[in-house]
Amino acid sequence: MQTEPQTRYSHTLPELRFSLNLLYVGRLLLGMKADSLTDDEGIDVFDDQIENVTDELIATELLHEAAVLAGDTLPEITPTSDTVM
């Protein structure tokens, strides 16, 4: 099984993807509320934050890919079967 090489940016990518998904869900839920509860300012805040997190995610993905291409990867940790009990 071949896996993606790990870089110093690998741990950040899932966190950013999860944050972006939560923002999309929040935006969806806010859009489903009654018109009296939603205003353009509230939706604009979500849209701005979605744009910021998207930009950060894209930048981090590019840094990760550049690190992989440059060979700047973390050493693989293999589990050992010699455990002390």
Protein backbone atom coordinates (compact mmCIF):
# COMPACT_ATOMS: atom_id res chain seq x y z
CA MET A 1 0.00 0.00 0.00
CA GLN A 2 1.54 3.26 -1.12
CA THR A 3 0.70 6.31 0.95
CA GLU A 4 1.26 10.01 0.46
CA PRO A 5 4.63 11.15 1.83
CA GLN A 6 4.34 13.10 5.07
CA THR A 7 5.68 16.65 5.23
CA ARG A 8 5.63 19.29 7.93
CA TYR A 9 2.36 20.53 6.38
CA SER A 10 0.58 17.15 6.41
CA HIS A 11 -0.96 17.55 9.86
CA THR A 12 -2.45 20.96 8.94
CA LEU A 13 -4.32 19.84 5.82
CA PRO A 14 -7.04 17.74 7.53
CA GLU A 15 -7.64 20.51 10.08
CA LEU A 16 -8.10 23.11 7.35
CA ARG A 17 -10.39 20.84 5.32
CA PHE A 18 -12.50 20.15 8.41
CA SER A 19 -12.70 23.86 9.25
CA LEU A 20 -13.77 24.68 5.71
CA ASN A 21 -16.47 22.01 5.82
CA LEU A 22 -17.79 23.38 9.12
CA LEU A 23 -17.94 26.87 7.65
CA TYR A 24 -19.91 25.57 4.67
CA VAL A 25 -22.36 23.83 7.00
CA GLY A 26 -22.74 26.99 9.07
CA ARG A 27 -23.32 29.03 5.94
CA LEU A 28 -25.94 26.54 4.77
CA LEU A 29 -27.72 26.56 8.12
CA LEU A 30 -27.68 30.35 8.26
CA GLY A 31 -29.14 30.48 4.77
CA MET A 32 -31.95 28.12 5.82
CA LYS A 33 -33.05 30.34 8.73
CA ALA A 34 -36.01 32.67 8.48
CA ASP A 35 -35.31 35.95 6.71
CA SER A 36 -35.85 37.91 9.92
CA LEU A 37 -32.91 36.13 11.55
CA THR A 38 -30.48 36.38 8.67
CA ASP A 39 -29.02 39.50 7.29
CA ASP A 40 -26.53 40.09 4.56
CA GLU A 41 -23.89 41.04 7.10
CA GLY A 42 -24.05 37.63 8.82
CA ILE A 43 -23.78 35.77 5.54
CA ASP A 44 -20.97 38.05 4.39
CA VAL A 45 -18.99 37.18 7.52
CA PHE A 46 -19.28 33.48 6.66
CA ASP A 47 -18.36 34.14 3.03
CA ASP A 48 -15.28 36.13 4.04
CA GLN A 49 -14.16 33.44 6.46
CA ILE A 50 -14.75 30.71 3.85
CA GLU A 51 -12.60 32.67 1.41
CA ASN A 52 -9.84 33.10 4.01
CA VAL A 53 -9.76 29.42 4.97
CA THR A 54 -9.89 28.39 1.29
CA ASP A 55 -6.90 30.60 0.53
CA GLU A 56 -4.99 29.17 3.49
CA LEU A 57 -5.88 25.61 2.45
CA ILE A 58 -4.70 26.17 -1.13
CA ALA A 59 -1.45 27.74 0.08
CA THR A 60 -0.82 24.85 2.48
CA GLU A 61 -1.56 22.27 -0.23
CA LEU A 62 0.92 24.02 -2.54
CA LEU A 63 3.56 24.08 0.20
CA HIS A 64 2.93 20.37 0.86
CA GLU A 65 3.29 19.50 -2.84
CA ALA A 66 6.44 21.62 -3.13
CA ALA A 67 7.92 19.87 -0.10
CA VAL A 68 7.14 16.46 -1.64
CA LEU A 69 8.74 17.46 -4.94
CA ALA A 70 11.80 18.85 -3.15
CA GLY A 71 12.13 15.68 -1.08
CA ASP A 72 11.55 17.52 2.18
CA THR A 73 9.53 14.71 3.74
CA LEU A 74 9.34 13.39 7.27
CA PRO A 75 10.86 9.99 7.99
CA GLU A 76 8.40 7.13 8.02
CA ILE A 77 7.75 5.59 11.42
CA THR A 78 7.22 1.87 11.17
CA PRO A 79 5.60 0.03 14.06
CA THR A 80 7.82 -2.55 15.66
CA SER A 81 6.70 -5.93 16.86
CA ASP A 82 9.21 -5.87 19.73
CA THR A 83 7.10 -4.40 22.48
CA VAL A 84 8.10 -4.71 26.09
CA MET A 85 5.40 -5.91 28.45
